[in-house]
PDB file of all heavy atoms in Angstrom:
ATOM      1  N   LYS A   1      11.220  17.961  27.321  1.00  0.00           N
ATOM      2  CA  LYS A   1      11.034  17.583  25.920  1.00  0.00           C
ATOM      3  C   LYS A   1      12.369  17.618  25.178  1.00  0.00           C
ATOM      4  O   LYS A   1      12.664  16.742  24.352  1.00  0.00           O
ATOM      5  CB  LYS A   1      10.033  18.518  25.251  1.00  0.00           C
ATOM      6  CG  LYS A   1       8.586  18.291  25.670  1.00  0.00           C
ATOM      7  CD  LYS A   1       7.661  19.211  24.898  1.00  0.00           C
ATOM      8  CE  LYS A   1       6.194  18.956  25.280  1.00  0.00           C
ATOM      9  NZ  LYS A   1       5.265  19.868  24.552  1.00  0.00           N
ATOM     10  N   ALA A   2      13.164  18.642  25.479  1.00  0.00           N
ATOM     11  CA  ALA A   2      14.482  18.745  24.842  1.00  0.00           C
ATOM     12  C   ALA A   2      15.373  17.571  25.245  1.00  0.00           C
ATOM     13  O   ALA A   2      16.168  17.065  24.439  1.00  0.00           O
ATOM     14  CB  ALA A   2      15.144  20.063  25.213  1.00  0.00           C
ATOM     15  N   ILE A   3      15.241  17.125  26.502  1.00  0.00           N
ATOM     16  CA  ILE A   3      16.007  15.962  26.955  1.00  0.00           C
ATOM     17  C   ILE A   3      15.631  14.734  26.122  1.00  0.00           C
ATOM     18  O   ILE A   3      16.493  13.960  25.699  1.00  0.00           O
ATOM     19  CB  ILE A   3      15.749  15.699  28.451  1.00  0.00           C
ATOM     20  CG1 ILE A   3      16.363  16.817  29.300  1.00  0.00           C
ATOM     21  CG2 ILE A   3      16.324  14.347  28.875  1.00  0.00           C
ATOM     22  CD1 ILE A   3      15.966  16.759  30.766  1.00  0.00           C
ATOM     23  N   GLY A   4      14.326  14.542  25.891  1.00  0.00           N
ATOM     24  CA  GLY A   4      13.878  13.413  25.081  1.00  0.00           C
ATOM     25  C   GLY A   4      14.428  13.463  23.670  1.00  0.00           C
ATOM     26  O   GLY A   4      14.877  12.443  23.123  1.00  0.00           O
ATOM     27  N   LYS A   5      14.428  14.680  23.083  1.00  0.00           N
ATOM     28  CA  LYS A   5      14.967  14.814  21.729  1.00  0.00           C
ATOM     29  C   LYS A   5      16.469  14.562  21.712  1.00  0.00           C
ATOM     30  O   LYS A   5      17.001  13.964  20.771  1.00  0.00           O
ATOM     31  CB  LYS A   5      14.649  16.198  21.184  1.00  0.00           C
ATOM     32  CG  LYS A   5      13.178  16.401  20.863  1.00  0.00           C
ATOM     33  CD  LYS A   5      12.930  17.768  20.247  1.00  0.00           C
ATOM     34  CE  LYS A   5      11.460  17.933  19.878  1.00  0.00           C
ATOM     35  NZ  LYS A   5      11.183  19.258  19.271  1.00  0.00           N
ATOM     36  N   ALA A   6      17.160  15.037  22.766  1.00  0.00           N
ATOM     37  CA  ALA A   6      18.605  14.819  22.839  1.00  0.00           C
ATOM     38  C   ALA A   6      18.923  13.331  22.937  1.00  0.00           C
ATOM     39  O   ALA A   6      19.884  12.836  22.331  1.00  0.00           O
ATOM     40  CB  ALA A   6      19.194  15.573  24.031  1.00  0.00           C
ATOM     41  N   ARG A   7      18.105  12.599  23.696  1.00  0.00           N
ATOM     42  CA  ARG A   7      18.322  11.159  23.810  1.00  0.00           C
ATOM     43  C   ARG A   7      18.094  10.449  22.476  1.00  0.00           C
ATOM     44  O   ARG A   7      18.853   9.546  22.105  1.00  0.00           O
ATOM     45  CB  ARG A   7      17.399  10.584  24.877  1.00  0.00           C
ATOM     46  CG  ARG A   7      17.820  10.943  26.301  1.00  0.00           C
ATOM     47  CD  ARG A   7      16.798  10.475  27.316  1.00  0.00           C
ATOM     48  NE  ARG A   7      17.242  10.771  28.684  1.00  0.00           N
ATOM     49  CZ  ARG A   7      16.464  10.656  29.750  1.00  0.00           C
ATOM     50  NH1 ARG A   7      15.192  10.242  29.621  1.00  0.00           N
ATOM     51  NH2 ARG A   7      16.936  10.942  30.945  1.00  0.00           N
ATOM     52  N   SER A   8      17.046  10.869  21.757  1.00  0.00           N
ATOM     53  CA  SER A   8      16.792  10.278  20.441  1.00  0.00           C
ATOM     54  C   SER A   8      17.937  10.591  19.489  1.00  0.00           C
ATOM     55  O   SER A   8      18.375   9.734  18.712  1.00  0.00           O
ATOM     56  CB  SER A   8      15.472  10.813  19.876  1.00  0.00           C
ATOM     57  OG  SER A   8      14.383  10.401  20.658  1.00  0.00           O
ATOM     58  N   LEU A   9      18.418  11.834  19.553  1.00  0.00           N
ATOM     59  CA  LEU A   9      19.528  12.227  18.691  1.00  0.00           C
ATOM     60  C   LEU A   9      20.782  11.433  19.032  1.00  0.00           C
ATOM     61  O   LEU A   9      21.520  10.996  18.150  1.00  0.00           O
ATOM     62  CB  LEU A   9      19.796  13.725  18.840  1.00  0.00           C
ATOM     63  CG  LEU A   9      20.939  14.307  17.990  1.00  0.00           C
ATOM     64  CD1 LEU A   9      20.669  14.074  16.513  1.00  0.00           C
ATOM     65  CD2 LEU A   9      21.124  15.784  18.278  1.00  0.00           C
ATOM     66  N   THR A  10      21.003  11.211  20.333  1.00  0.00           N
ATOM     67  CA  THR A  10      22.172  10.446  20.769  1.00  0.00           C
ATOM     68  C   THR A  10      22.130   9.033  20.220  1.00  0.00           C
ATOM     69  O   THR A  10      23.116   8.510  19.699  1.00  0.00           O
ATOM     70  CB  THR A  10      22.233  10.400  22.302  1.00  0.00           C
ATOM     71  OG1 THR A  10      22.353  11.738  22.802  1.00  0.00           O
ATOM     72  CG2 THR A  10      23.421   9.585  22.775  1.00  0.00           C
ATOM     73  N   ARG A  11      20.974   8.392  20.298  1.00  0.00           N
ATOM     74  CA  ARG A  11      20.850   7.032  19.777  1.00  0.00           C
ATOM     75  C   ARG A  11      20.964   7.011  18.262  1.00  0.00           C
ATOM     76  O   ARG A  11      21.458   6.047  17.675  1.00  0.00           O
ATOM     77  CB  ARG A  11      19.515   6.417  20.206  1.00  0.00           C
ATOM     78  CG  ARG A  11      19.446   6.166  21.698  1.00  0.00           C
ATOM     79  CD  ARG A  11      18.163   5.467  22.093  1.00  0.00           C
ATOM     80  NE  ARG A  11      18.148   4.080  21.649  1.00  0.00           N
ATOM     81  CZ  ARG A  11      17.219   3.201  22.001  1.00  0.00           C
ATOM     82  NH1 ARG A  11      16.224   3.559  22.813  1.00  0.00           N
ATOM     83  NH2 ARG A  11      17.262   1.958  21.563  1.00  0.00           N
ATOM     84  N   GLY A  12      20.515   8.097  17.614  1.00  0.00           N
ATOM     85  CA  GLY A  12      20.639   8.162  16.163  1.00  0.00           C
ATOM     86  C   GLY A  12      22.068   8.339  15.715  1.00  0.00           C
ATOM     87  O   GLY A  12      22.484   7.801  14.688  1.00  0.00           O
ATOM     88  N   VAL A  13      22.850   9.106  16.494  1.00  0.00           N
ATOM     89  CA  VAL A  13      24.253   9.320  16.144  1.00  0.00           C
ATOM     90  C   VAL A  13      25.085   8.092  16.444  1.00  0.00           C
ATOM     91  O   VAL A  13      25.929   7.665  15.655  1.00  0.00           O
ATOM     92  CB  VAL A  13      24.807  10.541  16.919  1.00  0.00           C
ATOM     93  CG1 VAL A  13      26.319  10.656  16.731  1.00  0.00           C
ATOM     94  CG2 VAL A  13      24.135  11.815  16.440  1.00  0.00           C
ATOM     95  N   TYR A  14      24.856   7.491  17.618  1.00  0.00           N
ATOM     96  CA  TYR A  14      25.612   6.290  17.974  1.00  0.00           C
ATOM     97  C   TYR A  14      24.722   5.385  18.820  1.00  0.00           C
ATOM     98  O   TYR A  14      24.430   5.702  19.982  1.00  0.00           O
ATOM     99  CB  TYR A  14      26.881   6.638  18.758  1.00  0.00           C
ATOM    100  CG  TYR A  14      27.749   5.427  18.988  1.00  0.00           C
ATOM    101  CD1 TYR A  14      28.524   4.927  17.946  1.00  0.00           C
ATOM    102  CD2 TYR A  14      27.767   4.777  20.209  1.00  0.00           C
ATOM    103  CE1 TYR A  14      29.304   3.800  18.123  1.00  0.00           C
ATOM    104  CE2 TYR A  14      28.556   3.646  20.393  1.00  0.00           C
ATOM    105  CZ  TYR A  14      29.318   3.165  19.347  1.00  0.00           C
ATOM    106  OH  TYR A  14      30.086   2.040  19.516  1.00  0.00           O
ATOM    107  N   PRO A  15      24.274   4.275  18.267  1.00  0.00           N
ATOM    108  CA  PRO A  15      23.348   3.393  18.981  1.00  0.00           C
ATOM    109  C   PRO A  15      24.035   2.541  20.038  1.00  0.00           C
ATOM    110  O   PRO A  15      24.203   1.332  19.878  1.00  0.00           O
ATOM    111  CB  PRO A  15      22.772   2.524  17.852  1.00  0.00           C
ATOM    112  CG  PRO A  15      23.894   2.443  16.855  1.00  0.00           C
ATOM    113  CD  PRO A  15      24.585   3.780  16.913  1.00  0.00           C
ATOM    114  N   ALA A  16      24.466   3.188  21.115  1.00  0.00           N
ATOM    115  CA  ALA A  16      25.144   2.452  22.183  1.00  0.00           C
ATOM    116  C   ALA A  16      24.198   1.401  22.759  1.00  0.00           C
ATOM    117  O   ALA A  16      23.014   1.651  22.955  1.00  0.00           O
ATOM    118  CB  ALA A  16      25.592   3.419  23.271  1.00  0.00           C
ATOM    119  N   GLY A  17      24.745   0.225  23.044  1.00  0.00           N
ATOM    120  CA  GLY A  17      23.941  -0.838  23.631  1.00  0.00           C
ATOM    121  C   GLY A  17      23.133  -1.627  22.628  1.00  0.00           C
ATOM    122  O   GLY A  17      22.336  -2.488  23.017  1.00  0.00           O
ATOM    123  N   LEU A  18      23.336  -1.360  21.346  1.00  0.00           N
ATOM    124  CA  LEU A  18      22.581  -2.090  20.327  1.00  0.00           C
ATOM    125  C   LEU A  18      23.027  -3.550  20.295  1.00  0.00           C
ATOM    126  O   LEU A  18      24.195  -3.850  20.054  1.00  0.00           O
ATOM    127  CB  LEU A  18      22.802  -1.444  18.956  1.00  0.00           C
ATOM    128  CG  LEU A  18      22.208  -2.173  17.745  1.00  0.00           C
ATOM    129  CD1 LEU A  18      20.712  -2.352  17.906  1.00  0.00           C
ATOM    130  CD2 LEU A  18      22.529  -1.415  16.462  1.00  0.00           C
ATOM    131  N   VAL A  19      22.110  -4.448  20.548  1.00  0.00           N
ATOM    132  CA  VAL A  19      22.371  -5.882  20.462  1.00  0.00           C
ATOM    133  C   VAL A  19      21.550  -6.446  19.311  1.00  0.00           C
ATOM    134  O   VAL A  19      20.658  -5.780  18.774  1.00  0.00           O
ATOM    135  CB  VAL A  19      22.023  -6.605  21.784  1.00  0.00           C
ATOM    136  CG1 VAL A  19      22.935  -6.115  22.904  1.00  0.00           C
ATOM    137  CG2 VAL A  19      20.567  -6.378  22.161  1.00  0.00           C
ATOM    138  N   ALA A  20      21.850  -7.685  18.946  1.00  0.00           N
ATOM    139  CA  ALA A  20      21.242  -8.273  17.749  1.00  0.00           C
ATOM    140  C   ALA A  20      19.719  -8.204  17.772  1.00  0.00           C
ATOM    141  O   ALA A  20      19.081  -7.834  16.795  1.00  0.00           O
ATOM    142  CB  ALA A  20      21.709  -9.719  17.596  1.00  0.00           C
ATOM    143  N   GLY A  21      19.101  -8.542  18.901  1.00  0.00           N
ATOM    144  CA  GLY A  21      17.643  -8.590  18.951  1.00  0.00           C
ATOM    145  C   GLY A  21      16.964  -7.247  19.079  1.00  0.00           C
ATOM    146  O   GLY A  21      15.749  -7.146  18.943  1.00  0.00           O
ATOM    147  N   ALA A  22      17.753  -6.181  19.347  1.00  0.00           N
ATOM    148  CA  ALA A  22      17.164  -4.857  19.575  1.00  0.00           C
ATOM    149  C   ALA A  22      17.131  -3.984  18.328  1.00  0.00           C
ATOM    150  O   ALA A  22      16.658  -2.849  18.399  1.00  0.00           O
ATOM    151  CB  ALA A  22      17.925  -4.136  20.687  1.00  0.00           C
ATOM    152  N   LEU A  23      17.623  -4.494  17.197  1.00  0.00           N
ATOM    153  CA  LEU A  23      17.699  -3.666  16.000  1.00  0.00           C
ATOM    154  C   LEU A  23      16.361  -3.039  15.610  1.00  0.00           C
ATOM    155  O   LEU A  23      16.308  -1.843  15.304  1.00  0.00           O
ATOM    156  CB  LEU A  23      18.267  -4.477  14.830  1.00  0.00           C
ATOM    157  CG  LEU A  23      18.391  -3.725  13.496  1.00  0.00           C
ATOM    158  CD1 LEU A  23      19.272  -2.498  13.645  1.00  0.00           C
ATOM    159  CD2 LEU A  23      18.949  -4.650  12.413  1.00  0.00           C
ATOM    160  N   PRO A  24      15.234  -3.772  15.599  1.00  0.00           N
ATOM    161  CA  PRO A  24      13.958  -3.142  15.229  1.00  0.00           C
ATOM    162  C   PRO A  24      13.603  -1.954  16.118  1.00  0.00           C
ATOM    163  O   PRO A  24      13.082  -0.944  15.630  1.00  0.00           O
ATOM    164  CB  PRO A  24      12.938  -4.282  15.384  1.00  0.00           C
ATOM    165  CG  PRO A  24      13.740  -5.528  15.231  1.00  0.00           C
ATOM    166  CD  PRO A  24      15.066  -5.215  15.841  1.00  0.00           C
ATOM    167  N   ASP A  25      13.902  -2.036  17.420  1.00  0.00           N
ATOM    168  CA  ASP A  25      13.600  -0.930  18.322  1.00  0.00           C
ATOM    169  C   ASP A  25      14.443   0.299  17.983  1.00  0.00           C
ATOM    170  O   ASP A  25      13.943   1.435  18.013  1.00  0.00           O
ATOM    171  CB  ASP A  25      13.855  -1.340  19.775  1.00  0.00           C
ATOM    172  CG  ASP A  25      12.887  -2.412  20.246  1.00  0.00           C
ATOM    173  OD1 ASP A  25      11.749  -2.447  19.728  1.00  0.00           O
ATOM    174  OD2 ASP A  25      13.262  -3.218  21.116  1.00  0.00           O
ATOM    175  N   TYR A  26      15.688   0.084  17.651  1.00  0.00           N
ATOM    176  CA  TYR A  26      16.549   1.206  17.292  1.00  0.00           C
ATOM    177  C   TYR A  26      16.122   1.823  15.962  1.00  0.00           C
ATOM    178  O   TYR A  26      16.211   3.034  15.771  1.00  0.00           O
ATOM    179  CB  TYR A  26      18.007   0.746  17.220  1.00  0.00           C
ATOM    180  CG  TYR A  26      18.685   0.709  18.574  1.00  0.00           C
ATOM    181  CD1 TYR A  26      18.401  -0.305  19.486  1.00  0.00           C
ATOM    182  CD2 TYR A  26      19.601   1.686  18.948  1.00  0.00           C
ATOM    183  CE1 TYR A  26      19.015  -0.347  20.733  1.00  0.00           C
ATOM    184  CE2 TYR A  26      20.221   1.659  20.188  1.00  0.00           C
ATOM    185  CZ  TYR A  26      19.921   0.636  21.085  1.00  0.00           C
ATOM    186  OH  TYR A  26      20.520   0.614  22.309  1.00  0.00           O
ATOM    187  N   LEU A  27      15.669   0.980  15.042  1.00  0.00           N
ATOM    188  CA  LEU A  27      15.174   1.510  13.773  1.00  0.00           C
ATOM    189  C   LEU A  27      13.885   2.308  13.974  1.00  0.00           C
ATOM    190  O   LEU A  27      13.647   3.300  13.278  1.00  0.00           O
ATOM    191  CB  LEU A  27      14.949   0.362  12.782  1.00  0.00           C
ATOM    192  CG  LEU A  27      16.216  -0.365  12.310  1.00  0.00           C
ATOM    193  CD1 LEU A  27      15.857  -1.497  11.357  1.00  0.00           C
ATOM    194  CD2 LEU A  27      17.192   0.597  11.636  1.00  0.00           C
ATOM    195  N   LYS A  28      13.060   1.889  14.929  1.00  0.00           N
ATOM    196  CA  LYS A  28      11.862   2.670  15.262  1.00  0.00           C
ATOM    197  C   LYS A  28      12.246   4.048  15.780  1.00  0.00           C
ATOM    198  O   LYS A  28      11.625   5.057  15.421  1.00  0.00           O
ATOM    199  CB  LYS A  28      11.028   1.927  16.305  1.00  0.00           C
ATOM    200  CG  LYS A  28      10.298   0.708  15.785  1.00  0.00           C
ATOM    201  CD  LYS A  28       9.537   0.009  16.906  1.00  0.00           C
ATOM    202  CE  LYS A  28       8.879  -1.280  16.407  1.00  0.00           C
ATOM    203  NZ  LYS A  28       8.208  -2.010  17.525  1.00  0.00           N
ATOM    204  N   ASP A  29      13.261   4.100  16.637  1.00  0.00           N
ATOM    205  CA  ASP A  29      13.745   5.390  17.137  1.00  0.00           C
ATOM    206  C   ASP A  29      14.256   6.255  15.995  1.00  0.00           C
ATOM    207  O   ASP A  29      14.014   7.465  15.955  1.00  0.00           O
ATOM    208  CB  ASP A  29      14.857   5.173  18.163  1.00  0.00           C
ATOM    209  CG  ASP A  29      14.330   4.641  19.489  1.00  0.00           C
ATOM    210  OD1 ASP A  29      13.101   4.705  19.709  1.00  0.00           O
ATOM    211  OD2 ASP A  29      15.143   4.158  20.302  1.00  0.00           O
ATOM    212  N   MET A  30      14.986   5.633  15.070  1.00  0.00           N
ATOM    213  CA  MET A  30      15.488   6.373  13.922  1.00  0.00           C
ATOM    214  C   MET A  30      14.336   6.939  13.095  1.00  0.00           C
ATOM    215  O   MET A  30      14.351   8.110  12.696  1.00  0.00           O
ATOM    216  CB  MET A  30      16.355   5.467  13.032  1.00  0.00           C
ATOM    217  CG  MET A  30      16.913   6.166  11.791  1.00  0.00           C
ATOM    218  SD  MET A  30      17.464   5.007  10.507  1.00  0.00           S
ATOM    219  CE  MET A  30      18.733   4.116  11.371  1.00  0.00           C
ATOM    220  N   ALA A  31      13.319   6.093  12.858  1.00  0.00           N
ATOM    221  CA  ALA A  31      12.166   6.525  12.075  1.00  0.00           C
ATOM    222  C   ALA A  31      11.452   7.694  12.753  1.00  0.00           C
ATOM    223  O   ALA A  31      11.072   8.681  12.108  1.00  0.00           O
ATOM    224  CB  ALA A  31      11.206   5.358  11.869  1.00  0.00           C
TER     225      ALA A  31
END
């Protein structure tokens, strides 16, 4: 569970791999 939270935190700090069409998915992770 901590690994999952760390991954979410990582994407929240720096959305590596974010491409134009993936923005809604990254915003869902942020939410």
